[in-house]
N, C-alpha and C. Protein backbone atom coordinates (compact mmCIF):
# COMPACT_ATOMS: atom_id res chain seq x y z
N UNK A 1 0.82 -1.19 0.00
CA UNK A 1 0.00 0.00 0.00
C UNK A 1 0.86 1.26 0.00
N UNK A 2 1.86 1.31 0.90
CA UNK A 2 2.73 2.48 0.95
C UNK A 2 3.48 2.64 -0.37
N UNK A 3 3.94 1.50 -0.91
CA UNK A 3 4.64 1.56 -2.19
C UNK A 3 3.75 2.17 -3.27
N UNK A 4 2.48 1.79 -3.28
CA UNK A 4 1.54 2.34 -4.26
C UNK A 4 1.37 3.85 -4.09
N UNK A 5 1.32 4.30 -2.83
CA UNK A 5 1.18 5.73 -2.56
C UNK A 5 2.41 6.49 -3.06
N UNK A 6 3.59 5.94 -2.80
CA UNK A 6 4.83 6.59 -3.24
C UNK A 6 4.91 6.64 -4.76
N UNK A 7 4.55 5.54 -5.41
CA UNK A 7 4.57 5.48 -6.87
C UNK A 7 3.57 6.49 -7.45
N UNK A 8 2.39 6.61 -6.85
CA UNK A 8 1.38 7.54 -7.35
C UNK A 8 1.87 8.99 -7.24
N UNK A 9 2.48 9.33 -6.11
CA UNK A 9 2.97 10.70 -5.94
C UNK A 9 4.13 10.96 -6.90
N UNK A 10 5.02 9.98 -7.04
CA UNK A 10 6.13 10.13 -7.98
C UNK A 10 5.62 10.33 -9.41
N UNK A 11 4.59 9.58 -9.79
CA UNK A 11 4.00 9.72 -11.13
C UNK A 11 3.37 11.10 -11.31
N UNK A 12 2.73 11.60 -10.27
CA UNK A 12 2.16 12.95 -10.31
C UNK A 12 3.27 13.98 -10.56
N UNK A 13 4.36 13.85 -9.81
CA UNK A 13 5.47 14.79 -10.00
C UNK A 13 6.11 14.61 -11.37
N UNK A 14 6.16 13.37 -11.88
CA UNK A 14 6.71 13.13 -13.21
C UNK A 14 5.90 13.86 -14.27
N UNK A 15 4.59 13.88 -14.09
CA UNK A 15 3.71 14.60 -15.03
C UNK A 15 4.07 16.09 -15.04
N UNK A 16 4.42 16.62 -13.87
CA UNK A 16 4.82 18.03 -13.79
C UNK A 16 6.22 18.21 -14.37
N UNK A 17 7.14 17.34 -13.93
CA UNK A 17 8.53 17.42 -14.39
C UNK A 17 9.27 16.14 -14.00
N UNK A 18 9.92 15.49 -14.95
CA UNK A 18 10.70 14.30 -14.62
C UNK A 18 11.79 14.58 -13.56
N UNK A 19 12.34 15.79 -13.59
CA UNK A 19 13.38 16.14 -12.62
C UNK A 19 12.81 16.21 -11.20
N UNK A 20 11.61 16.74 -11.06
CA UNK A 20 10.98 16.81 -9.74
C UNK A 20 10.68 15.40 -9.24
N UNK A 21 10.23 14.54 -10.13
CA UNK A 21 9.96 13.15 -9.76
C UNK A 21 11.22 12.45 -9.27
N UNK A 22 12.33 12.67 -9.97
CA UNK A 22 13.61 12.08 -9.55
C UNK A 22 14.03 12.62 -8.19
N UNK A 23 13.83 13.89 -7.97
CA UNK A 23 14.17 14.50 -6.68
C UNK A 23 13.30 13.90 -5.56
N UNK A 24 12.01 13.73 -5.83
CA UNK A 24 11.11 13.12 -4.85
C UNK A 24 11.58 11.70 -4.51
N UNK A 25 11.86 10.91 -5.54
CA UNK A 25 12.33 9.53 -5.32
C UNK A 25 13.62 9.52 -4.50
N UNK A 26 14.54 10.43 -4.82
CA UNK A 26 15.79 10.52 -4.08
C UNK A 26 15.54 10.84 -2.61
N UNK A 27 14.65 11.80 -2.34
CA UNK A 27 14.39 12.21 -0.95
C UNK A 27 13.64 11.13 -0.17
N UNK A 28 12.76 10.39 -0.84
CA UNK A 28 12.09 9.26 -0.17
C UNK A 28 13.15 8.23 0.22
N UNK A 29 14.03 7.89 -0.70
CA UNK A 29 15.08 6.91 -0.40
C UNK A 29 16.01 7.41 0.69
N UNK A 30 16.29 8.70 0.69
CA UNK A 30 17.14 9.26 1.74
C UNK A 30 16.46 9.15 3.10
N UNK A 31 15.15 9.42 3.14
CA UNK A 31 14.40 9.28 4.40
C UNK A 31 14.41 7.82 4.86
N UNK A 32 14.25 6.89 3.94
CA UNK A 32 14.29 5.46 4.29
C UNK A 32 15.66 5.06 4.83
N UNK A 33 16.71 5.61 4.25
CA UNK A 33 18.06 5.32 4.74
C UNK A 33 18.22 5.85 6.18
N UNK A 34 17.70 7.05 6.44
CA UNK A 34 17.78 7.62 7.79
C UNK A 34 17.00 6.77 8.79
N UNK A 35 15.85 6.28 8.37
CA UNK A 35 15.07 5.40 9.24
C UNK A 35 15.83 4.12 9.56
N UNK A 36 16.49 3.60 8.56
CA UNK A 36 17.25 2.37 8.77
C UNK A 36 18.39 2.60 9.77
N UNK A 37 19.02 3.77 9.69
CA UNK A 37 20.13 4.09 10.59
C UNK A 37 19.67 4.30 12.03
N UNK A 38 18.57 5.05 12.22
CA UNK A 38 18.15 5.37 13.58
C UNK A 38 16.65 5.70 13.61
N UNK A 39 15.80 4.69 13.65
CA UNK A 39 14.35 4.92 13.58
C UNK A 39 13.78 5.70 14.76
N UNK A 40 14.44 5.67 15.93
CA UNK A 40 13.88 6.40 17.07
C UNK A 40 14.23 7.87 17.07
N UNK A 41 14.98 8.32 16.08
CA UNK A 41 15.42 9.71 16.06
C UNK A 41 14.33 10.68 15.58
N UNK A 42 13.22 10.16 15.09
CA UNK A 42 12.23 11.03 14.47
C UNK A 42 11.00 11.19 15.34
N UNK A 43 10.21 12.18 15.02
CA UNK A 43 9.14 12.68 15.87
C UNK A 43 8.01 11.69 16.11
N UNK A 44 7.62 11.59 17.37
CA UNK A 44 6.37 10.92 17.69
C UNK A 44 5.24 11.83 17.22
N UNK A 45 4.16 11.24 16.81
CA UNK A 45 2.98 12.04 16.51
C UNK A 45 1.97 11.80 17.61
N UNK A 46 0.86 12.47 17.56
CA UNK A 46 -0.12 12.39 18.65
C UNK A 46 -0.76 11.01 18.78
N UNK A 47 -0.60 10.17 17.79
CA UNK A 47 -1.17 8.83 17.83
C UNK A 47 -0.03 7.86 18.16
N UNK A 48 0.08 7.51 19.42
CA UNK A 48 1.15 6.62 19.85
C UNK A 48 0.86 5.21 19.34
N UNK A 49 1.79 4.47 18.93
CA UNK A 49 3.24 4.61 18.94
C UNK A 49 3.81 5.09 17.60
N UNK A 50 3.02 5.80 16.83
CA UNK A 50 3.44 6.19 15.49
C UNK A 50 4.38 7.39 15.51
N UNK A 51 5.22 7.43 14.50
CA UNK A 51 6.20 8.50 14.32
C UNK A 51 6.14 8.96 12.87
N UNK A 52 6.85 10.05 12.60
CA UNK A 52 6.89 10.51 11.21
C UNK A 52 8.28 11.01 10.87
N UNK A 53 8.60 10.88 9.60
CA UNK A 53 9.79 11.50 9.04
C UNK A 53 9.33 12.25 7.80
N UNK A 54 9.66 13.52 7.75
CA UNK A 54 9.23 14.38 6.64
C UNK A 54 10.15 14.14 5.45
N UNK A 55 9.54 14.13 4.27
CA UNK A 55 10.30 14.01 3.02
C UNK A 55 10.81 15.41 2.69
N UNK A 56 12.12 15.58 2.77
CA UNK A 56 12.74 16.90 2.59
C UNK A 56 12.35 17.52 1.25
N UNK A 57 11.85 18.76 1.33
CA UNK A 57 11.51 19.50 0.11
C UNK A 57 10.14 19.19 -0.46
N UNK A 58 9.40 18.30 0.18
CA UNK A 58 8.08 17.92 -0.31
C UNK A 58 7.08 17.90 0.84
N UNK A 59 5.81 18.14 0.54
CA UNK A 59 4.81 18.21 1.62
C UNK A 59 4.25 16.84 2.03
N UNK A 60 5.15 15.91 2.29
CA UNK A 60 4.75 14.55 2.66
C UNK A 60 5.61 14.06 3.82
N UNK A 61 5.05 13.12 4.56
CA UNK A 61 5.80 12.45 5.62
C UNK A 61 5.50 10.95 5.56
N UNK A 62 6.49 10.17 5.89
CA UNK A 62 6.27 8.74 6.07
C UNK A 62 5.85 8.53 7.51
N UNK A 63 4.74 7.85 7.70
CA UNK A 63 4.24 7.52 9.03
C UNK A 63 4.64 6.08 9.29
N UNK A 64 5.24 5.86 10.46
CA UNK A 64 5.75 4.52 10.76
C UNK A 64 5.68 4.23 12.24
N UNK A 65 5.95 2.99 12.58
CA UNK A 65 6.08 2.61 13.98
C UNK A 65 7.22 1.60 14.10
N UNK A 66 7.79 1.57 15.28
CA UNK A 66 8.87 0.63 15.57
C UNK A 66 8.25 -0.56 16.29
N UNK A 67 8.50 -1.73 15.76
CA UNK A 67 7.98 -2.97 16.36
C UNK A 67 9.15 -3.92 16.56
N UNK A 68 9.53 -4.08 17.82
CA UNK A 68 10.71 -4.87 18.16
C UNK A 68 11.92 -4.28 17.45
N UNK A 69 12.53 -5.04 16.56
CA UNK A 69 13.70 -4.53 15.85
C UNK A 69 13.38 -4.18 14.39
N UNK A 70 12.10 -3.99 14.11
CA UNK A 70 11.66 -3.68 12.74
C UNK A 70 10.97 -2.32 12.70
N UNK A 71 10.98 -1.73 11.51
CA UNK A 71 10.26 -0.48 11.26
C UNK A 71 9.15 -0.80 10.27
N UNK A 72 7.92 -0.50 10.65
CA UNK A 72 6.76 -0.73 9.80
C UNK A 72 6.27 0.63 9.29
N UNK A 73 6.44 0.86 8.00
CA UNK A 73 5.96 2.11 7.40
C UNK A 73 4.52 1.87 7.00
N UNK A 74 3.61 2.70 7.53
CA UNK A 74 2.19 2.45 7.30
C UNK A 74 1.57 3.33 6.23
N UNK A 75 2.16 4.52 5.99
CA UNK A 75 1.58 5.37 4.94
C UNK A 75 2.49 6.53 4.58
N UNK A 76 2.24 7.06 3.41
CA UNK A 76 2.80 8.33 2.97
C UNK A 76 1.67 9.33 3.17
N UNK A 77 1.88 10.30 4.05
CA UNK A 77 0.79 11.22 4.40
C UNK A 77 1.09 12.63 3.90
N UNK A 78 0.13 13.23 3.18
CA UNK A 78 0.30 14.62 2.74
C UNK A 78 0.18 15.57 3.94
N UNK A 79 1.19 16.37 4.17
CA UNK A 79 1.21 17.25 5.33
C UNK A 79 0.17 18.37 5.23
N UNK A 80 -0.35 18.61 4.04
CA UNK A 80 -1.39 19.63 3.88
C UNK A 80 -2.75 19.16 4.40
N UNK A 81 -2.90 17.85 4.57
CA UNK A 81 -4.18 17.31 5.03
C UNK A 81 -4.39 17.60 6.51
N UNK A 82 -5.64 17.57 6.90
CA UNK A 82 -6.02 17.76 8.28
C UNK A 82 -5.49 16.60 9.12
N UNK A 83 -4.86 16.87 10.27
CA UNK A 83 -4.35 15.79 11.12
C UNK A 83 -5.43 14.79 11.54
N UNK A 84 -6.69 15.21 11.59
CA UNK A 84 -7.77 14.27 11.93
C UNK A 84 -7.87 13.16 10.88
N UNK A 85 -7.55 13.51 9.63
CA UNK A 85 -7.57 12.50 8.57
C UNK A 85 -6.52 11.42 8.83
N UNK A 86 -5.38 11.83 9.38
CA UNK A 86 -4.34 10.86 9.72
C UNK A 86 -4.87 9.86 10.74
N UNK A 87 -5.55 10.35 11.76
CA UNK A 87 -6.10 9.46 12.78
C UNK A 87 -7.11 8.49 12.16
N UNK A 88 -7.95 9.00 11.28
CA UNK A 88 -8.95 8.14 10.63
C UNK A 88 -8.28 7.07 9.77
N UNK A 89 -7.25 7.45 9.03
CA UNK A 89 -6.57 6.47 8.18
C UNK A 89 -5.89 5.39 9.00
N UNK A 90 -5.29 5.77 10.12
CA UNK A 90 -4.64 4.77 10.98
C UNK A 90 -5.68 3.86 11.59
N UNK A 91 -6.79 4.41 12.04
CA UNK A 91 -7.86 3.56 12.61
C UNK A 91 -8.35 2.55 11.58
N UNK A 92 -8.54 2.99 10.35
CA UNK A 92 -9.02 2.09 9.30
C UNK A 92 -8.02 0.96 9.01
N UNK A 93 -6.75 1.27 9.13
CA UNK A 93 -5.73 0.25 8.89
C UNK A 93 -5.74 -0.84 9.93
N UNK A 94 -6.08 -0.48 11.16
CA UNK A 94 -5.90 -1.42 12.27
C UNK A 94 -7.17 -1.79 13.01
N UNK A 95 -8.30 -1.69 12.34
CA UNK A 95 -9.55 -2.14 12.95
C UNK A 95 -9.89 -3.50 12.41
């Protein structure tokens, strides 16, 4: 699901400009690398135990949680959206 969201946003940016799409892909991969290095370094959000890492230069964040020694990325969330929508999307995922 998260992969589909990332691909859709990348395709949207590609429609605007292939260079912007490449930059988005690069920044997503950079955020994933940072998560791999130190997943607890990023912000908790109001819905525990979830955290977020912002995609540099883009209005998106990866929402994730740490489970034992694994990182579970649950969604790519547009930062322009209402935070209540984030709560609703997380509830729908785990009900």
